């Protein structure tokens, strides 16, 4: 273990309380990595166990400063306990994203009793966990994009619609009908648009990948003329490298061995499936769009319905924004507030237009 940094020979009670808190938090974080490791295998499991071992070294540092295990220890932070609870039950990319955020907020940068090695460890841990979470993020990105942005679009567009209609002074039944119509029209449009978008992107990827169109003619190519080399040069290889690659492929083909084709795995995994993305977009748009309509479904009208819609949509916007922030490794609170500002801003515009329209009709 690295030598401790300079610290007071006679620590104050505040120092000891702070060190004890670091101790229990490091112990809890090590347990999180161990729980995640139990759900993994191979290289990922070894990496997670190595992270747990590093947290154990940090724990030993605080035990040493405290002069041994204290008789009474504080509870781990709420954030760390939540992380442990989720790791034991889910072991998903959400947990790794939370762990990444936790490693990014290390208190050791301003802690004089932490060693330089510990500060460096925490920064490296952040990058390690980011790498572990990357695969799960790629897997989620296609469907997740459709789901989150579908829900957000449903919230904002239908909220703006019902507020604008309601501000015009029409009957509650008409507001409800408008909201249901907006829900169905928007969900169908989102689902169809997402299907076309994802299918087109997958087809574009397929058109750029090498095909087996010319494989049948490989055994008959002239080794000296070797026009196959032009294919590899067109794909970016240098002249000599392309020539050598072409000779190898032709010789293999004459022996009956066709070249292997690279799959679309990673690229298609990022894009996602067209039907899955369309269905997610439809369902999540509908789930978002139903939220601002709920007050009118419950029989409310006028100002009470508007106020309840504001509360419900505000909570939903904060949740979708926080989810995006969490999975992208950003601040959940900041992303949530951003979503809230955008949604309420759009609704305010239509509400004012509805008021003006209602006054002009009156």
Protein backbone atom coordinates (compact mmCIF):
# COMPACT_ATOMS: atom_id res chain seq x y z
CA UNK A 1 0.00 0.00 0.00
CA UNK A 2 1.24 3.50 -0.80
CA UNK A 3 2.55 5.58 2.07
CA UNK A 4 -0.10 7.78 3.68
CA UNK A 5 -0.18 11.49 2.94
CA UNK A 6 0.69 13.95 5.66
CA UNK A 7 -2.00 14.15 8.29
CA UNK A 8 -2.22 15.44 11.86
CA UNK A 9 -0.42 13.32 14.45
CA UNK A 10 -3.34 13.87 16.78
CA UNK A 11 -6.46 13.74 14.60
CA UNK A 12 -9.47 15.70 15.70
CA UNK A 13 -12.84 14.00 16.35
CA UNK A 14 -14.03 15.47 13.01
CA UNK A 15 -11.08 13.82 11.25
CA UNK A 16 -11.90 10.46 12.80
CA UNK A 17 -15.57 10.74 11.86
CA UNK A 18 -14.62 11.60 8.28
CA UNK A 19 -12.15 8.71 8.04
CA UNK A 20 -14.70 6.30 9.48
CA UNK A 21 -17.20 7.40 6.83
CA UNK A 22 -14.62 6.82 4.10
CA UNK A 23 -13.95 3.39 5.58
CA UNK A 24 -17.56 2.20 5.47
CA UNK A 25 -18.12 3.70 2.02
CA UNK A 26 -15.05 1.93 0.60
CA UNK A 27 -16.20 -1.32 2.20
CA UNK A 28 -19.68 -0.90 0.71
CA UNK A 29 -18.30 -0.08 -2.74
CA UNK A 30 -16.09 -3.18 -2.64
CA UNK A 31 -19.20 -5.23 -1.83
CA UNK A 32 -20.98 -3.69 -4.85
CA UNK A 33 -18.20 -4.79 -7.20
CA UNK A 34 -18.17 -8.25 -5.66
CA UNK A 35 -21.93 -8.57 -6.15
CA UNK A 36 -21.62 -7.48 -9.76
CA UNK A 37 -18.77 -9.96 -10.29
CA UNK A 38 -21.02 -12.82 -9.18
CA UNK A 39 -23.29 -12.03 -12.15
CA UNK A 40 -20.41 -11.90 -14.65
CA UNK A 41 -17.89 -14.36 -16.01
CA UNK A 42 -14.51 -14.30 -17.71
CA UNK A 43 -12.67 -11.02 -18.13
CA UNK A 44 -15.49 -8.84 -16.77
CA UNK A 45 -15.60 -10.86 -13.57
CA UNK A 46 -11.85 -10.53 -13.08
CA UNK A 47 -11.96 -6.77 -13.66
CA UNK A 48 -14.76 -6.29 -11.13
CA UNK A 49 -12.94 -8.37 -8.54
CA UNK A 50 -9.79 -6.31 -9.13
CA UNK A 51 -11.82 -3.15 -8.49
CA UNK A 52 -13.13 -4.66 -5.26
CA UNK A 53 -9.56 -5.48 -4.23
CA UNK A 54 -8.49 -1.88 -4.88
CA UNK A 55 -11.35 -0.58 -2.72
CA UNK A 56 -10.11 -2.98 -0.05
CA UNK A 57 -6.68 -1.32 -0.15
CA UNK A 58 -8.32 2.06 0.35
CA UNK A 59 -10.31 0.65 3.24
CA UNK A 60 -7.08 -0.60 4.86
CA UNK A 61 -5.62 2.91 4.59
CA UNK A 62 -8.43 4.38 6.70
CA UNK A 63 -8.27 1.53 9.21
CA UNK A 64 -4.56 2.29 9.65
CA UNK A 65 -5.18 6.00 10.21
CA UNK A 66 -7.91 5.19 12.71
CA UNK A 67 -5.54 2.91 14.61
CA UNK A 68 -7.64 -0.17 13.96
CA UNK A 69 -11.28 -1.05 13.40
CA UNK A 70 -13.45 1.42 15.37
CA UNK A 71 -15.90 -0.06 17.85
CA UNK A 72 -18.74 1.86 16.23
CA UNK A 73 -18.97 2.75 12.56
CA UNK A 74 -21.41 5.09 10.79
CA UNK A 75 -23.78 3.86 8.12
CA UNK A 76 -22.67 3.94 4.50
CA UNK A 77 -23.96 6.87 2.47
CA UNK A 78 -27.47 6.60 1.01
CA UNK A 79 -26.00 6.60 -2.50
CA UNK A 80 -23.67 3.70 -1.73
CA UNK A 81 -26.40 1.69 0.00
CA UNK A 82 -28.75 2.22 -2.95
CA UNK A 83 -25.99 1.09 -5.28
CA UNK A 84 -25.47 -2.06 -3.21
CA UNK A 85 -29.18 -2.84 -3.15
CA UNK A 86 -29.43 -2.49 -6.93
CA UNK A 87 -26.28 -4.52 -7.56
CA UNK A 88 -27.66 -7.42 -5.53
CA UNK A 89 -30.94 -7.47 -7.45
CA UNK A 90 -30.24 -6.23 -10.96
CA UNK A 91 -26.56 -6.25 -11.85
CA UNK A 92 -27.40 -4.22 -14.95
CA UNK A 93 -25.98 -1.33 -16.91
CA UNK A 94 -27.94 1.00 -14.59
CA UNK A 95 -25.79 -0.14 -11.66
CA UNK A 96 -22.57 0.32 -13.62
CA UNK A 97 -23.74 3.79 -14.67
CA UNK A 98 -24.40 4.69 -11.03
CA UNK A 99 -20.98 3.30 -10.08
CA UNK A 100 -19.39 5.39 -12.81
CA UNK A 101 -21.03 8.53 -11.43
CA UNK A 102 -19.95 7.58 -7.91
CA UNK A 103 -16.31 7.14 -8.98
CA UNK A 104 -16.44 10.54 -10.71
CA UNK A 105 -17.42 12.23 -7.42
CA UNK A 106 -14.53 11.01 -5.31
CA UNK A 107 -13.98 13.14 -2.18
CA UNK A 108 -10.27 12.32 -2.15
CA UNK A 109 -9.25 15.23 -4.40
CA UNK A 110 -9.83 17.59 -1.47
CA UNK A 111 -8.95 15.10 1.29
CA UNK A 112 -5.45 15.75 2.70
CA UNK A 113 -5.31 12.35 4.41
CA UNK A 114 -5.81 10.40 1.18
CA UNK A 115 -2.73 9.30 -0.74
CA UNK A 116 -1.91 10.42 -4.25
CA UNK A 117 -2.23 6.77 -5.34
CA UNK A 118 -5.77 6.63 -3.95
CA UNK A 119 -6.75 9.76 -5.86
CA UNK A 120 -5.32 8.28 -9.04
CA UNK A 121 -7.08 4.97 -8.37
CA UNK A 122 -10.47 6.67 -8.19
CA UNK A 123 -9.94 8.38 -11.54
CA UNK A 124 -8.85 5.11 -13.15
CA UNK A 125 -11.81 3.29 -11.59
CA UNK A 126 -14.12 5.80 -13.29
CA UNK A 127 -12.66 4.90 -16.71
CA UNK A 128 -12.72 1.16 -15.97
CA UNK A 129 -16.40 1.24 -14.99
CA UNK A 130 -17.15 3.42 -18.03
CA UNK A 131 -15.61 0.70 -20.21
CA UNK A 132 -17.61 -2.04 -18.50
CA UNK A 133 -20.82 -0.08 -18.95
CA UNK A 134 -20.10 0.69 -22.62
CA UNK A 135 -21.25 -2.68 -23.95
CA UNK A 136 -24.57 -2.46 -22.13
CA UNK A 137 -25.06 1.11 -23.34
CA UNK A 138 -24.45 0.03 -26.94
CA UNK A 139 -26.96 -2.76 -26.52
CA UNK A 140 -29.55 -0.36 -25.12
CA UNK A 141 -28.91 2.58 -27.41
CA UNK A 142 -31.32 1.72 -30.26
CA UNK A 143 -34.35 0.67 -28.25
CA UNK A 144 -33.50 2.98 -25.36
CA UNK A 145 -33.39 5.99 -27.67
CA UNK A 146 -36.80 5.14 -29.08
CA UNK A 147 -38.22 4.47 -25.61
CA UNK A 148 -36.95 7.54 -23.75
CA UNK A 149 -37.46 10.04 -26.54
CA UNK A 150 -40.82 8.50 -27.39
CA UNK A 151 -41.96 8.98 -23.80
CA UNK A 152 -40.57 12.50 -23.68
CA UNK A 153 -42.20 13.47 -26.97
CA UNK A 154 -45.52 12.07 -25.76
CA UNK A 155 -45.29 14.03 -22.54
CA UNK A 156 -44.34 17.34 -24.11
CA UNK A 157 -46.52 17.26 -27.25
CA UNK A 158 -49.70 16.09 -25.55
CA UNK A 159 -49.15 18.32 -22.53
CA UNK A 160 -48.78 21.31 -24.86
CA UNK A 161 -51.86 20.18 -26.79
CA UNK A 162 -54.23 19.76 -23.83
CA UNK A 163 -53.02 22.97 -22.16
CA UNK A 164 -53.49 24.93 -25.35
CA UNK A 165 -56.96 23.47 -25.92
CA UNK A 166 -57.92 23.91 -22.27
CA UNK A 167 -56.76 27.53 -22.18
CA UNK A 168 -59.14 28.33 -25.03
CA UNK A 169 -62.01 27.76 -22.58
CA UNK A 170 -63.58 24.69 -24.22
CA UNK A 171 -65.48 22.01 -22.31
CA UNK A 172 -63.44 19.36 -20.40
CA UNK A 173 -64.88 16.65 -22.65
CA UNK A 174 -63.36 18.35 -25.70
CA UNK A 175 -59.96 18.61 -23.96
CA UNK A 176 -60.12 14.88 -23.17
CA UNK A 177 -61.06 13.99 -26.75
CA UNK A 178 -58.22 16.14 -28.09
CA UNK A 179 -55.76 14.50 -25.72
CA UNK A 180 -56.77 10.95 -26.73
CA UNK A 181 -56.61 11.89 -30.42
CA UNK A 182 -53.17 13.43 -29.90
CA UNK A 183 -52.01 10.29 -28.09
CA UNK A 184 -53.07 7.93 -30.88
CA UNK A 185 -51.90 10.12 -33.75
CA UNK A 186 -48.54 10.80 -32.13
CA UNK A 187 -47.89 7.19 -31.10
CA UNK A 188 -48.67 5.87 -34.59
CA UNK A 189 -46.52 8.55 -36.18
CA UNK A 190 -43.60 7.89 -33.82
CA UNK A 191 -43.77 4.12 -34.31
CA UNK A 192 -43.90 4.38 -38.09
CA UNK A 193 -41.13 6.98 -38.19
CA UNK A 194 -38.87 4.94 -35.94
CA UNK A 195 -39.41 1.81 -38.02
CA UNK A 196 -38.48 3.60 -41.25
CA UNK A 197 -35.48 5.31 -39.60
CA UNK A 198 -33.96 2.17 -38.09
CA UNK A 199 -34.69 -0.05 -41.12
CA UNK A 200 -33.10 2.53 -43.43
CA UNK A 201 -30.03 2.79 -41.22
CA UNK A 202 -29.58 -0.98 -41.12
CA UNK A 203 -29.96 -1.18 -44.91
CA UNK A 204 -27.38 1.58 -45.29
CA UNK A 205 -24.94 -0.35 -43.09
CA UNK A 206 -25.51 -3.52 -45.09
CA UNK A 207 -24.86 -1.71 -48.36
CA UNK A 208 -21.47 -0.48 -47.14
CA UNK A 209 -20.19 -3.88 -45.97
CA UNK A 210 -18.23 -6.27 -48.25
CA UNK A 211 -20.46 -8.90 -49.89
CA UNK A 212 -19.87 -12.36 -51.27
CA UNK A 213 -21.09 -11.35 -54.75
CA UNK A 214 -17.78 -12.25 -56.49
CA UNK A 215 -16.81 -15.26 -54.39
CA UNK A 216 -17.84 -17.74 -57.09
CA UNK A 217 -15.29 -16.30 -59.52
CA UNK A 218 -12.32 -16.21 -57.16
CA UNK A 219 -10.82 -19.60 -58.21
CA UNK A 220 -10.71 -18.43 -61.85
CA UNK A 221 -8.87 -15.15 -61.26
CA UNK A 222 -5.39 -14.74 -62.70
CA UNK A 223 -2.81 -14.50 -59.94
CA UNK A 224 -0.64 -12.18 -62.03
CA UNK A 225 -3.34 -9.77 -63.25
CA UNK A 226 -5.01 -10.06 -59.88
CA UNK A 227 -7.81 -7.52 -60.19
CA UNK A 228 -8.96 -8.61 -56.74
CA UNK A 229 -6.25 -6.35 -55.38
CA UNK A 230 -8.24 -3.40 -56.70
CA UNK A 231 -11.11 -4.42 -54.43
CA UNK A 232 -8.90 -4.23 -51.35
CA UNK A 233 -7.37 -0.97 -52.49
CA UNK A 234 -10.89 0.45 -52.85
CA UNK A 235 -11.50 -0.58 -49.25
CA UNK A 236 -8.49 1.42 -48.06
CA UNK A 237 -5.51 -0.95 -48.13
CA UNK A 238 -2.17 0.14 -49.59
CA UNK A 239 -1.09 -1.21 -52.98
CA UNK A 240 1.38 -3.81 -51.71
CA UNK A 241 -0.80 -4.90 -48.81
CA UNK A 242 -3.80 -5.23 -51.14
CA UNK A 243 -1.78 -7.33 -53.58
CA UNK A 244 -0.58 -9.70 -50.87
CA UNK A 245 -4.08 -10.02 -49.43
CA UNK A 246 -5.53 -10.75 -52.88
CA UNK A 247 -2.91 -13.44 -53.61
CA UNK A 248 -3.70 -15.15 -50.32
CA UNK A 249 -7.46 -15.08 -50.95
CA UNK A 250 -7.12 -16.43 -54.51
CA UNK A 251 -4.78 -19.23 -53.43
CA UNK A 252 -7.21 -20.19 -50.66
CA UNK A 253 -10.13 -20.08 -53.12
CA UNK A 254 -8.32 -22.43 -55.54
CA UNK A 255 -8.03 -24.87 -52.65
CA UNK A 256 -11.76 -24.53 -51.98
CA UNK A 257 -11.66 -22.12 -49.04
CA UNK A 258 -13.80 -18.99 -49.40
CA UNK A 259 -12.94 -15.79 -47.46
CA UNK A 260 -14.77 -15.17 -44.22
CA UNK A 261 -17.17 -12.25 -44.17
CA UNK A 262 -17.21 -9.75 -41.33
CA UNK A 263 -20.56 -9.51 -39.62
CA UNK A 264 -22.51 -6.38 -38.84
CA UNK A 265 -22.66 -7.25 -35.13
CA UNK A 266 -21.49 -4.15 -33.30
CA UNK A 267 -22.93 -1.63 -35.76
CA UNK A 268 -26.32 -3.35 -35.92
CA UNK A 269 -26.32 -3.78 -32.17
CA UNK A 270 -26.01 -0.01 -31.77
CA UNK A 271 -28.76 0.71 -34.30
CA UNK A 272 -31.13 -1.89 -32.85
CA UNK A 273 -34.01 -3.76 -34.46
CA UNK A 274 -36.58 -1.87 -36.54
CA UNK A 275 -39.69 -3.63 -35.19
CA UNK A 276 -38.43 -3.48 -31.61
CA UNK A 277 -37.60 0.22 -31.91
CA UNK A 278 -40.98 0.97 -33.53
CA UNK A 279 -42.94 -0.91 -30.87
CA UNK A 280 -40.94 0.74 -28.08
CA UNK A 281 -41.48 4.15 -29.62
CA UNK A 282 -45.25 3.56 -29.97
CA UNK A 283 -45.70 2.25 -26.43
CA UNK A 284 -43.51 4.80 -24.73
CA UNK A 285 -45.00 7.73 -26.64
CA UNK A 286 -48.43 6.50 -25.57
CA UNK A 287 -47.28 6.06 -21.97
CA UNK A 288 -45.92 9.60 -21.95
CA UNK A 289 -48.90 11.11 -23.75
CA UNK A 290 -51.43 9.60 -21.33
CA UNK A 291 -49.91 11.41 -18.34
CA UNK A 292 -51.18 14.95 -19.15
CA UNK A 293 -54.62 13.54 -20.01
CA UNK A 294 -55.07 11.77 -16.65
CA UNK A 295 -56.71 14.73 -14.82
CA UNK A 296 -59.43 14.95 -17.47
CA UNK A 297 -59.83 11.15 -17.45
CA UNK A 298 -60.47 11.46 -13.71
CA UNK A 299 -63.28 13.92 -14.38
CA UNK A 300 -61.48 17.13 -13.44
CA UNK A 301 -61.65 20.32 -15.46
CA UNK A 302 -60.49 23.91 -15.44
CA UNK A 303 -57.68 25.05 -13.15
CA UNK A 304 -57.58 21.89 -10.92
CA UNK A 305 -57.00 19.73 -14.02
CA UNK A 306 -54.25 22.05 -15.28
CA UNK A 307 -52.48 22.11 -11.90
CA UNK A 308 -52.59 18.33 -11.53
CA UNK A 309 -51.32 17.92 -15.10
CA UNK A 310 -48.42 20.27 -14.28
CA UNK A 311 -47.42 18.16 -11.27
CA UNK A 312 -47.73 14.80 -13.05
CA UNK A 313 -45.90 15.91 -16.18
CA UNK A 314 -43.22 17.65 -14.13
CA UNK A 315 -42.48 14.42 -12.23
CA UNK A 316 -42.45 12.40 -15.45
CA UNK A 317 -40.12 14.85 -17.22
CA UNK A 318 -37.71 14.79 -14.29
CA UNK A 319 -37.70 10.98 -14.34
CA UNK A 320 -37.03 10.67 -18.07
CA UNK A 321 -34.31 13.31 -17.92
CA UNK A 322 -32.70 11.69 -14.90
CA UNK A 323 -32.74 8.30 -16.63
CA UNK A 324 -30.96 9.73 -19.66
CA UNK A 325 -28.41 11.41 -17.41
CA UNK A 326 -27.84 8.23 -15.43
CA UNK A 327 -27.25 5.99 -18.43
CA UNK A 328 -25.11 8.55 -20.26
CA UNK A 329 -22.87 9.05 -17.24
CA UNK A 330 -24.04 12.65 -16.73
CA UNK A 331 -25.78 14.37 -13.85
CA UNK A 332 -29.33 12.98 -13.42
CA UNK A 333 -30.47 16.19 -11.72
CA UNK A 334 -29.13 18.45 -14.44
CA UNK A 335 -30.64 16.33 -17.23
CA UNK A 336 -33.94 16.18 -15.35
CA UNK A 337 -34.10 19.96 -14.93
CA UNK A 338 -33.25 20.40 -18.60
CA UNK A 339 -36.12 18.16 -19.64
CA UNK A 340 -38.42 19.99 -17.24
CA UNK A 341 -37.49 23.39 -18.66
CA UNK A 342 -37.97 22.27 -22.27
CA UNK A 343 -41.32 20.60 -21.58
CA UNK A 344 -42.79 23.43 -19.53
CA UNK A 345 -41.45 26.01 -21.99
CA UNK A 346 -43.24 24.35 -24.92
CA UNK A 347 -46.45 24.00 -22.90
CA UNK A 348 -46.30 27.67 -21.83
CA UNK A 349 -46.22 28.78 -25.45
CA UNK A 350 -49.32 26.78 -26.43
CA UNK A 351 -51.12 27.79 -23.22
CA UNK A 352 -50.61 31.48 -24.03
CA UNK A 353 -51.75 30.89 -27.60
CA UNK A 354 -54.84 29.11 -26.27
CA UNK A 355 -55.61 32.04 -23.97
CA UNK A 356 -55.30 34.49 -26.86
CA UNK A 357 -57.47 32.29 -29.06
CA UNK A 358 -60.08 31.98 -26.32
CA UNK A 359 -60.17 35.75 -25.79
CA UNK A 360 -60.51 36.39 -29.52
CA UNK A 361 -63.41 33.95 -29.72
CA UNK A 362 -65.03 35.57 -26.73
